[in-house]
N, C-alpha and C. Protein backbone atom coordinates (compact mmCIF):
# COMPACT_ATOMS: atom_id res chain seq x y z
N MET A 1 141.04 126.91 -5.26
CA MET A 1 142.25 127.49 -4.73
C MET A 1 141.87 128.69 -3.88
N LYS A 2 142.41 128.76 -2.70
CA LYS A 2 142.18 129.91 -1.83
C LYS A 2 143.11 131.04 -2.23
N VAL A 3 142.61 132.25 -2.16
CA VAL A 3 143.41 133.43 -2.45
C VAL A 3 143.36 134.34 -1.25
N HIS A 4 144.52 134.76 -0.78
CA HIS A 4 144.63 135.68 0.35
C HIS A 4 145.24 136.97 -0.15
N LEU A 5 144.60 138.08 0.11
CA LEU A 5 145.13 139.39 -0.26
C LEU A 5 145.36 140.19 1.01
N GLU A 6 146.45 140.94 1.02
CA GLU A 6 146.77 141.75 2.18
C GLU A 6 147.24 143.12 1.68
N VAL A 7 146.65 144.16 2.20
CA VAL A 7 147.11 145.51 1.88
C VAL A 7 148.22 145.84 2.85
N ILE A 8 149.36 146.24 2.29
CA ILE A 8 150.55 146.48 3.12
C ILE A 8 150.95 147.95 3.02
N PRO A 9 151.72 148.43 3.99
CA PRO A 9 152.20 149.82 3.91
C PRO A 9 153.18 149.98 2.75
N PRO A 10 153.28 151.19 2.21
CA PRO A 10 154.13 151.41 1.04
C PRO A 10 155.62 151.16 1.27
N ASP A 11 156.06 151.09 2.52
CA ASP A 11 157.48 150.86 2.78
C ASP A 11 157.85 149.38 2.71
N ARG A 12 156.85 148.49 2.66
CA ARG A 12 157.12 147.05 2.52
C ARG A 12 157.09 146.66 1.05
N PRO A 13 157.97 145.77 0.62
CA PRO A 13 157.95 145.34 -0.78
C PRO A 13 156.75 144.43 -1.07
N GLU A 14 156.19 144.60 -2.26
CA GLU A 14 155.09 143.72 -2.68
C GLU A 14 155.67 142.36 -3.04
N GLU A 15 154.90 141.32 -2.79
CA GLU A 15 155.30 139.98 -3.18
C GLU A 15 154.06 139.12 -3.39
N ALA A 16 154.23 138.08 -4.18
CA ALA A 16 153.16 137.11 -4.39
C ALA A 16 153.75 135.73 -4.10
N ARG A 17 153.03 134.92 -3.37
CA ARG A 17 153.49 133.58 -3.02
C ARG A 17 152.44 132.58 -3.50
N LEU A 18 152.89 131.61 -4.29
CA LEU A 18 151.98 130.59 -4.82
C LEU A 18 152.37 129.24 -4.23
N SER A 19 151.41 128.51 -3.71
CA SER A 19 151.64 127.16 -3.20
C SER A 19 150.83 126.22 -4.08
N LEU A 20 151.54 125.44 -4.89
CA LEU A 20 150.88 124.58 -5.88
C LEU A 20 151.28 123.13 -5.70
N TRP A 21 150.40 122.23 -6.07
CA TRP A 21 150.70 120.80 -5.99
C TRP A 21 151.67 120.37 -7.07
N GLN A 22 151.58 121.03 -8.22
CA GLN A 22 152.47 120.66 -9.32
C GLN A 22 152.75 121.88 -10.19
N GLU A 23 153.86 121.80 -10.92
CA GLU A 23 154.20 122.89 -11.82
C GLU A 23 153.49 122.67 -13.15
N THR A 24 152.84 123.74 -13.63
CA THR A 24 152.13 123.65 -14.90
C THR A 24 152.48 124.86 -15.76
N GLU A 25 152.09 124.82 -17.02
CA GLU A 25 152.31 125.95 -17.92
C GLU A 25 151.60 127.19 -17.40
N THR A 26 150.42 127.01 -16.82
CA THR A 26 149.67 128.14 -16.27
C THR A 26 150.45 128.82 -15.15
N ARG A 27 151.12 128.03 -14.34
CA ARG A 27 151.93 128.58 -13.25
C ARG A 27 153.03 129.47 -13.80
N TYR A 28 153.68 129.03 -14.89
CA TYR A 28 154.76 129.83 -15.48
C TYR A 28 154.22 131.13 -16.07
N ARG A 29 153.07 131.07 -16.71
CA ARG A 29 152.47 132.29 -17.29
C ARG A 29 152.07 133.26 -16.18
N LEU A 30 151.47 132.74 -15.12
CA LEU A 30 151.07 133.59 -14.00
C LEU A 30 152.29 134.22 -13.33
N SER A 31 153.32 133.44 -13.13
CA SER A 31 154.55 133.94 -12.53
C SER A 31 155.16 135.05 -13.40
N ALA A 32 155.22 134.84 -14.71
CA ALA A 32 155.77 135.85 -15.62
C ALA A 32 154.93 137.12 -15.59
N LEU A 33 153.62 136.96 -15.55
CA LEU A 33 152.73 138.11 -15.51
C LEU A 33 152.98 138.94 -14.25
N LEU A 34 153.08 138.28 -13.11
CA LEU A 34 153.32 139.00 -11.86
C LEU A 34 154.69 139.65 -11.82
N GLU A 35 155.70 138.94 -12.31
CA GLU A 35 157.06 139.49 -12.28
C GLU A 35 157.21 140.71 -13.16
N GLU A 36 156.54 140.71 -14.29
CA GLU A 36 156.66 141.88 -15.18
C GLU A 36 155.65 142.96 -14.84
N GLU A 37 154.88 142.72 -13.78
CA GLU A 37 153.85 143.65 -13.31
C GLU A 37 152.82 143.95 -14.39
N GLY A 38 152.57 142.97 -15.25
CA GLY A 38 151.58 143.13 -16.30
C GLY A 38 150.17 143.28 -15.75
N TYR A 39 149.96 142.81 -14.53
CA TYR A 39 148.64 142.92 -13.93
C TYR A 39 148.27 144.37 -13.67
N ARG A 40 149.23 145.27 -13.65
CA ARG A 40 148.96 146.68 -13.37
C ARG A 40 148.45 147.43 -14.60
N ARG A 41 148.74 146.91 -15.78
CA ARG A 41 148.37 147.61 -17.01
C ARG A 41 146.91 147.34 -17.33
N GLU A 42 146.07 148.16 -16.80
CA GLU A 42 144.64 147.97 -17.01
C GLU A 42 144.03 149.03 -17.89
N ALA A 43 144.71 150.18 -18.04
CA ALA A 43 144.13 151.29 -18.79
C ALA A 43 145.22 152.20 -19.33
N LEU A 44 144.88 152.94 -20.38
CA LEU A 44 145.73 154.01 -20.89
C LEU A 44 145.11 155.33 -20.49
N LEU A 45 145.90 156.22 -19.98
CA LEU A 45 145.39 157.54 -19.63
C LEU A 45 145.30 158.38 -20.89
N CYS A 46 144.09 158.81 -21.24
CA CYS A 46 143.83 159.55 -22.47
C CYS A 46 143.05 160.81 -22.15
N ARG A 47 142.74 161.55 -23.18
CA ARG A 47 141.88 162.72 -22.99
C ARG A 47 140.87 162.79 -24.12
N ARG A 48 139.74 163.36 -23.77
CA ARG A 48 138.67 163.64 -24.73
C ARG A 48 138.26 165.08 -24.43
N GLY A 49 138.62 165.98 -25.33
CA GLY A 49 138.42 167.39 -25.05
C GLY A 49 139.32 167.79 -23.90
N GLU A 50 138.76 168.42 -22.89
CA GLU A 50 139.53 168.83 -21.71
C GLU A 50 139.56 167.75 -20.63
N GLU A 51 138.75 166.73 -20.80
CA GLU A 51 138.62 165.68 -19.80
C GLU A 51 139.72 164.64 -19.95
N ARG A 52 140.36 164.30 -18.82
CA ARG A 52 141.36 163.23 -18.79
C ARG A 52 140.70 162.00 -18.19
N CYS A 53 140.87 160.88 -18.86
CA CYS A 53 140.23 159.67 -18.34
C CYS A 53 141.01 158.42 -18.71
N PRO A 54 141.02 157.43 -17.80
CA PRO A 54 141.64 156.16 -18.13
C PRO A 54 140.71 155.36 -19.04
N VAL A 55 141.25 154.82 -20.11
CA VAL A 55 140.47 153.98 -21.01
C VAL A 55 140.92 152.54 -20.78
N PRO A 56 140.02 151.68 -20.27
CA PRO A 56 140.39 150.29 -20.00
C PRO A 56 140.91 149.60 -21.27
N LEU A 57 141.97 148.82 -21.13
CA LEU A 57 142.57 148.15 -22.28
C LEU A 57 141.57 147.27 -23.02
N HIS A 58 140.68 146.61 -22.29
CA HIS A 58 139.74 145.72 -22.96
C HIS A 58 138.70 146.48 -23.78
N HIS A 59 138.58 147.80 -23.59
CA HIS A 59 137.68 148.61 -24.41
C HIS A 59 138.36 149.16 -25.66
N ILE A 60 139.69 149.23 -25.63
CA ILE A 60 140.44 149.80 -26.75
C ILE A 60 140.40 148.84 -27.94
N GLN A 61 140.07 149.39 -29.11
CA GLN A 61 140.01 148.58 -30.31
C GLN A 61 141.16 148.87 -31.26
N LEU A 62 141.52 150.15 -31.38
CA LEU A 62 142.55 150.56 -32.33
C LEU A 62 143.30 151.76 -31.77
N ILE A 63 144.60 151.78 -31.96
CA ILE A 63 145.42 152.93 -31.61
C ILE A 63 146.20 153.27 -32.86
N GLN A 64 146.07 154.51 -33.33
CA GLN A 64 146.80 154.88 -34.54
C GLN A 64 147.21 156.34 -34.52
N VAL A 65 148.26 156.63 -35.28
CA VAL A 65 148.77 157.99 -35.39
C VAL A 65 147.95 158.70 -36.46
N GLU A 66 147.41 159.85 -36.08
CA GLU A 66 146.62 160.67 -37.00
C GLU A 66 147.09 162.11 -36.87
N GLY A 67 147.68 162.63 -37.92
CA GLY A 67 148.13 164.03 -37.88
C GLY A 67 149.11 164.32 -36.76
N GLY A 68 149.98 163.37 -36.47
CA GLY A 68 150.99 163.58 -35.43
C GLY A 68 150.51 163.30 -34.02
N GLU A 69 149.23 162.95 -33.84
CA GLU A 69 148.69 162.62 -32.52
C GLU A 69 148.34 161.14 -32.46
N THR A 70 148.38 160.59 -31.27
CA THR A 70 148.03 159.19 -31.08
C THR A 70 146.55 159.10 -30.71
N ALA A 71 145.75 158.58 -31.64
CA ALA A 71 144.30 158.44 -31.43
C ALA A 71 144.00 157.04 -30.92
N VAL A 72 143.12 156.97 -29.93
CA VAL A 72 142.70 155.70 -29.34
C VAL A 72 141.21 155.54 -29.60
N TYR A 73 140.84 154.47 -30.28
CA TYR A 73 139.43 154.18 -30.55
C TYR A 73 138.96 153.10 -29.60
N ALA A 74 137.93 153.43 -28.86
CA ALA A 74 137.33 152.48 -27.92
C ALA A 74 135.85 152.35 -28.28
N GLY A 75 135.15 151.48 -27.59
CA GLY A 75 133.74 151.26 -27.88
C GLY A 75 132.90 152.51 -27.78
N ASP A 76 133.31 153.46 -26.96
CA ASP A 76 132.50 154.67 -26.77
C ASP A 76 133.08 155.89 -27.49
N GLY A 77 133.98 155.70 -28.43
CA GLY A 77 134.45 156.83 -29.22
C GLY A 77 135.95 156.96 -29.32
N ARG A 78 136.37 158.16 -29.69
CA ARG A 78 137.78 158.45 -29.98
C ARG A 78 138.38 159.31 -28.85
N TYR A 79 139.59 158.94 -28.45
CA TYR A 79 140.35 159.66 -27.43
C TYR A 79 141.71 160.02 -28.02
N LEU A 80 142.39 160.92 -27.36
CA LEU A 80 143.78 161.22 -27.70
C LEU A 80 144.67 160.79 -26.55
N CYS A 81 145.78 160.18 -26.89
CA CYS A 81 146.73 159.69 -25.88
C CYS A 81 148.00 160.54 -25.98
N PRO A 82 148.54 160.99 -24.86
CA PRO A 82 149.74 161.82 -24.90
C PRO A 82 151.01 161.05 -25.26
N LEU A 83 150.93 159.72 -25.28
CA LEU A 83 152.11 158.90 -25.56
C LEU A 83 152.34 158.76 -27.06
N ARG A 84 153.58 158.53 -27.45
CA ARG A 84 153.88 158.16 -28.82
C ARG A 84 153.42 156.71 -28.99
N LEU A 85 153.24 156.29 -30.23
CA LEU A 85 152.72 154.95 -30.48
C LEU A 85 153.60 153.87 -29.84
N TYR A 86 154.91 153.98 -29.97
CA TYR A 86 155.79 152.96 -29.40
C TYR A 86 155.72 152.95 -27.87
N GLU A 87 155.48 154.11 -27.25
CA GLU A 87 155.35 154.17 -25.80
C GLU A 87 154.05 153.50 -25.34
N ALA A 88 152.98 153.74 -26.08
CA ALA A 88 151.71 153.07 -25.77
C ALA A 88 151.86 151.57 -25.95
N GLU A 89 152.55 151.16 -27.02
CA GLU A 89 152.74 149.74 -27.31
C GLU A 89 153.45 149.03 -26.16
N GLU A 90 154.40 149.70 -25.52
CA GLU A 90 155.14 149.12 -24.39
C GLU A 90 154.25 148.87 -23.19
N GLN A 91 153.12 149.56 -23.08
CA GLN A 91 152.22 149.41 -21.93
C GLN A 91 151.10 148.40 -22.19
N LEU A 92 151.04 147.86 -23.39
CA LEU A 92 149.95 146.97 -23.76
C LEU A 92 150.33 145.52 -23.56
N ASP A 93 149.33 144.65 -23.53
CA ASP A 93 149.57 143.23 -23.35
C ASP A 93 149.44 142.48 -24.67
N SER A 94 149.38 141.15 -24.60
CA SER A 94 149.41 140.31 -25.80
C SER A 94 148.15 140.40 -26.65
N ARG A 95 147.12 141.08 -26.18
CA ARG A 95 145.93 141.29 -27.02
C ARG A 95 146.22 142.24 -28.17
N PHE A 96 147.26 143.06 -28.04
CA PHE A 96 147.55 144.10 -29.01
C PHE A 96 148.72 143.72 -29.90
N VAL A 97 148.58 144.08 -31.18
CA VAL A 97 149.64 143.79 -32.14
C VAL A 97 149.76 144.97 -33.11
N ARG A 98 151.00 145.23 -33.53
CA ARG A 98 151.24 146.30 -34.50
C ARG A 98 150.83 145.80 -35.88
N ILE A 99 150.06 146.62 -36.60
CA ILE A 99 149.61 146.24 -37.94
C ILE A 99 150.24 147.10 -39.03
N SER A 100 150.87 148.20 -38.63
CA SER A 100 151.57 149.07 -39.57
C SER A 100 152.49 149.99 -38.75
N ARG A 101 153.25 150.83 -39.44
CA ARG A 101 154.11 151.77 -38.72
C ARG A 101 153.28 152.73 -37.88
N PHE A 102 152.00 152.87 -38.22
CA PHE A 102 151.17 153.89 -37.59
C PHE A 102 150.00 153.35 -36.78
N ALA A 103 149.90 152.02 -36.60
CA ALA A 103 148.70 151.50 -35.93
C ALA A 103 148.94 150.21 -35.16
N LEU A 104 148.15 150.07 -34.07
CA LEU A 104 148.08 148.86 -33.26
C LEU A 104 146.62 148.46 -33.17
N VAL A 105 146.35 147.15 -33.11
CA VAL A 105 144.97 146.70 -33.02
C VAL A 105 144.83 145.70 -31.86
N ASN A 106 143.65 145.72 -31.24
CA ASN A 106 143.32 144.76 -30.18
C ASN A 106 142.73 143.54 -30.85
N LEU A 107 143.38 142.40 -30.76
CA LEU A 107 142.93 141.18 -31.44
C LEU A 107 141.55 140.72 -30.98
N THR A 108 141.16 141.05 -29.76
CA THR A 108 139.84 140.63 -29.27
C THR A 108 138.72 141.48 -29.86
N GLN A 109 139.06 142.56 -30.54
CA GLN A 109 138.06 143.48 -31.09
C GLN A 109 137.91 143.36 -32.60
N VAL A 110 138.59 142.41 -33.22
CA VAL A 110 138.53 142.25 -34.67
C VAL A 110 137.29 141.46 -35.06
N LEU A 111 136.50 142.04 -35.96
CA LEU A 111 135.34 141.33 -36.50
C LEU A 111 135.75 140.43 -37.65
N CYS A 112 136.54 140.99 -38.60
CA CYS A 112 136.96 140.18 -39.74
C CYS A 112 138.20 140.77 -40.42
N TYR A 113 138.86 139.89 -41.17
CA TYR A 113 140.00 140.26 -41.99
C TYR A 113 139.58 140.05 -43.44
N ARG A 114 140.04 140.93 -44.32
CA ARG A 114 139.72 140.79 -45.74
C ARG A 114 140.98 141.08 -46.56
N PRO A 115 141.47 140.07 -47.32
CA PRO A 115 142.66 140.30 -48.13
C PRO A 115 142.34 141.24 -49.30
N LEU A 116 143.29 142.08 -49.64
CA LEU A 116 143.14 143.01 -50.76
C LEU A 116 144.13 142.63 -51.86
N LEU A 117 143.86 143.07 -53.06
CA LEU A 117 144.69 142.70 -54.21
C LEU A 117 146.14 143.16 -54.10
N ASN A 118 146.38 144.27 -53.44
CA ASN A 118 147.72 144.83 -53.37
C ASN A 118 148.59 144.22 -52.27
N GLY A 119 148.15 143.13 -51.65
CA GLY A 119 148.94 142.46 -50.62
C GLY A 119 148.63 142.93 -49.21
N LEU A 120 147.82 143.98 -49.08
CA LEU A 120 147.39 144.44 -47.77
C LEU A 120 146.24 143.58 -47.28
N MET A 121 145.97 143.67 -46.00
CA MET A 121 144.83 142.99 -45.40
C MET A 121 144.01 144.05 -44.69
N GLU A 122 142.72 144.12 -45.00
CA GLU A 122 141.83 145.05 -44.31
C GLU A 122 141.31 144.39 -43.05
N VAL A 123 141.28 145.14 -41.97
CA VAL A 123 140.76 144.63 -40.70
C VAL A 123 139.58 145.52 -40.30
N THR A 124 138.45 144.89 -39.95
CA THR A 124 137.27 145.60 -39.50
C THR A 124 137.08 145.31 -38.02
N LEU A 125 136.90 146.38 -37.25
CA LEU A 125 136.77 146.26 -35.80
C LEU A 125 135.33 146.38 -35.35
N ARG A 126 135.06 146.00 -34.13
CA ARG A 126 133.69 146.04 -33.58
C ARG A 126 133.08 147.43 -33.62
N CYS A 127 133.91 148.47 -33.49
CA CYS A 127 133.40 149.84 -33.48
C CYS A 127 133.08 150.32 -34.90
N GLY A 128 133.34 149.48 -35.91
CA GLY A 128 133.07 149.86 -37.28
C GLY A 128 134.28 150.46 -37.98
N GLN A 129 135.30 150.81 -37.22
CA GLN A 129 136.52 151.37 -37.77
C GLN A 129 137.24 150.32 -38.62
N LYS A 130 137.83 150.75 -39.71
CA LYS A 130 138.61 149.86 -40.56
C LYS A 130 140.04 150.37 -40.60
N SER A 131 140.97 149.43 -40.71
CA SER A 131 142.37 149.77 -40.87
C SER A 131 143.00 148.72 -41.76
N TYR A 132 144.29 148.87 -42.00
CA TYR A 132 144.97 147.97 -42.93
C TYR A 132 146.23 147.41 -42.30
N ILE A 133 146.42 146.12 -42.51
CA ILE A 133 147.63 145.45 -42.06
C ILE A 133 148.60 145.49 -43.23
N SER A 134 149.76 146.11 -43.02
CA SER A 134 150.72 146.19 -44.12
C SER A 134 151.40 144.83 -44.30
N ARG A 135 151.93 144.62 -45.50
CA ARG A 135 152.61 143.34 -45.81
C ARG A 135 153.74 143.08 -44.83
N ARG A 136 154.43 144.14 -44.43
CA ARG A 136 155.57 144.00 -43.53
C ARG A 136 155.17 143.38 -42.20
N TYR A 137 153.96 143.65 -41.71
CA TYR A 137 153.52 143.19 -40.39
C TYR A 137 152.59 141.99 -40.44
N LEU A 138 152.20 141.56 -41.62
CA LEU A 138 151.20 140.50 -41.76
C LEU A 138 151.63 139.19 -41.10
N LYS A 139 152.87 138.79 -41.30
CA LYS A 139 153.36 137.55 -40.69
C LYS A 139 153.31 137.64 -39.17
N ASP A 140 153.75 138.78 -38.61
CA ASP A 140 153.72 138.97 -37.16
C ASP A 140 152.30 138.94 -36.61
N VAL A 141 151.37 139.55 -37.34
CA VAL A 141 149.96 139.55 -36.91
C VAL A 141 149.42 138.13 -36.87
N ARG A 142 149.71 137.35 -37.91
CA ARG A 142 149.24 135.95 -37.94
C ARG A 142 149.81 135.15 -36.77
N GLU A 143 151.11 135.30 -36.50
CA GLU A 143 151.73 134.59 -35.38
C GLU A 143 151.15 135.02 -34.04
N GLN A 144 150.97 136.33 -33.86
CA GLN A 144 150.41 136.83 -32.61
C GLN A 144 148.97 136.35 -32.44
N GLN A 145 148.20 136.32 -33.52
CA GLN A 145 146.82 135.83 -33.47
C GLN A 145 146.80 134.37 -33.03
N ARG A 146 147.67 133.56 -33.61
CA ARG A 146 147.76 132.14 -33.23
C ARG A 146 148.14 131.99 -31.76
N ARG A 147 149.17 132.75 -31.34
CA ARG A 147 149.61 132.69 -29.94
C ARG A 147 148.51 133.14 -29.00
N PHE A 148 147.86 134.23 -29.36
CA PHE A 148 146.80 134.77 -28.51
C PHE A 148 145.64 133.79 -28.40
N CYS A 149 145.23 133.20 -29.52
CA CYS A 149 144.13 132.21 -29.48
C CYS A 149 144.53 131.01 -28.64
N HIS A 150 145.79 130.60 -28.71
CA HIS A 150 146.26 129.48 -27.91
C HIS A 150 146.25 129.81 -26.42
N GLU A 151 146.62 131.05 -26.05
CA GLU A 151 146.63 131.47 -24.64
C GLU A 151 145.23 131.51 -24.05
N THR A 152 144.25 131.88 -24.85
CA THR A 152 142.90 132.05 -24.32
C THR A 152 142.08 130.77 -24.33
N THR A 153 142.63 129.70 -24.89
CA THR A 153 141.88 128.43 -24.88
C THR A 153 142.38 127.50 -23.81
């Protein structure tokens, strides 16, 4: 498939035009992604000390509330995000799922799940960080994991 990109002046509206031989499920997913401008969400703006830096979504493993601040764990360490957890959640894509009132996890960064006796599920991430999926969110996590695995295959 040929792809043509054109940089336009800011006064012209952006648009995407697809010419396809047939309609497929992939076409609908691509169309939805473009319409919701999901392609723009590539990073969260965070800070580490005095430094402000965008953290690419594919590097983020865990986002959780710690002492009233939103901490972002990525492969290269811990950042602070100025957004509330629900605000960060609105900027994320289907790789991310809420696991408790205080945490979101990137499904692509999960090493393993381990059930606990009290009904919680422990999740271990690539960065070594561990968190817990509360019973309230367990069903949603399972459904999102199934959906996410289906989308990527």
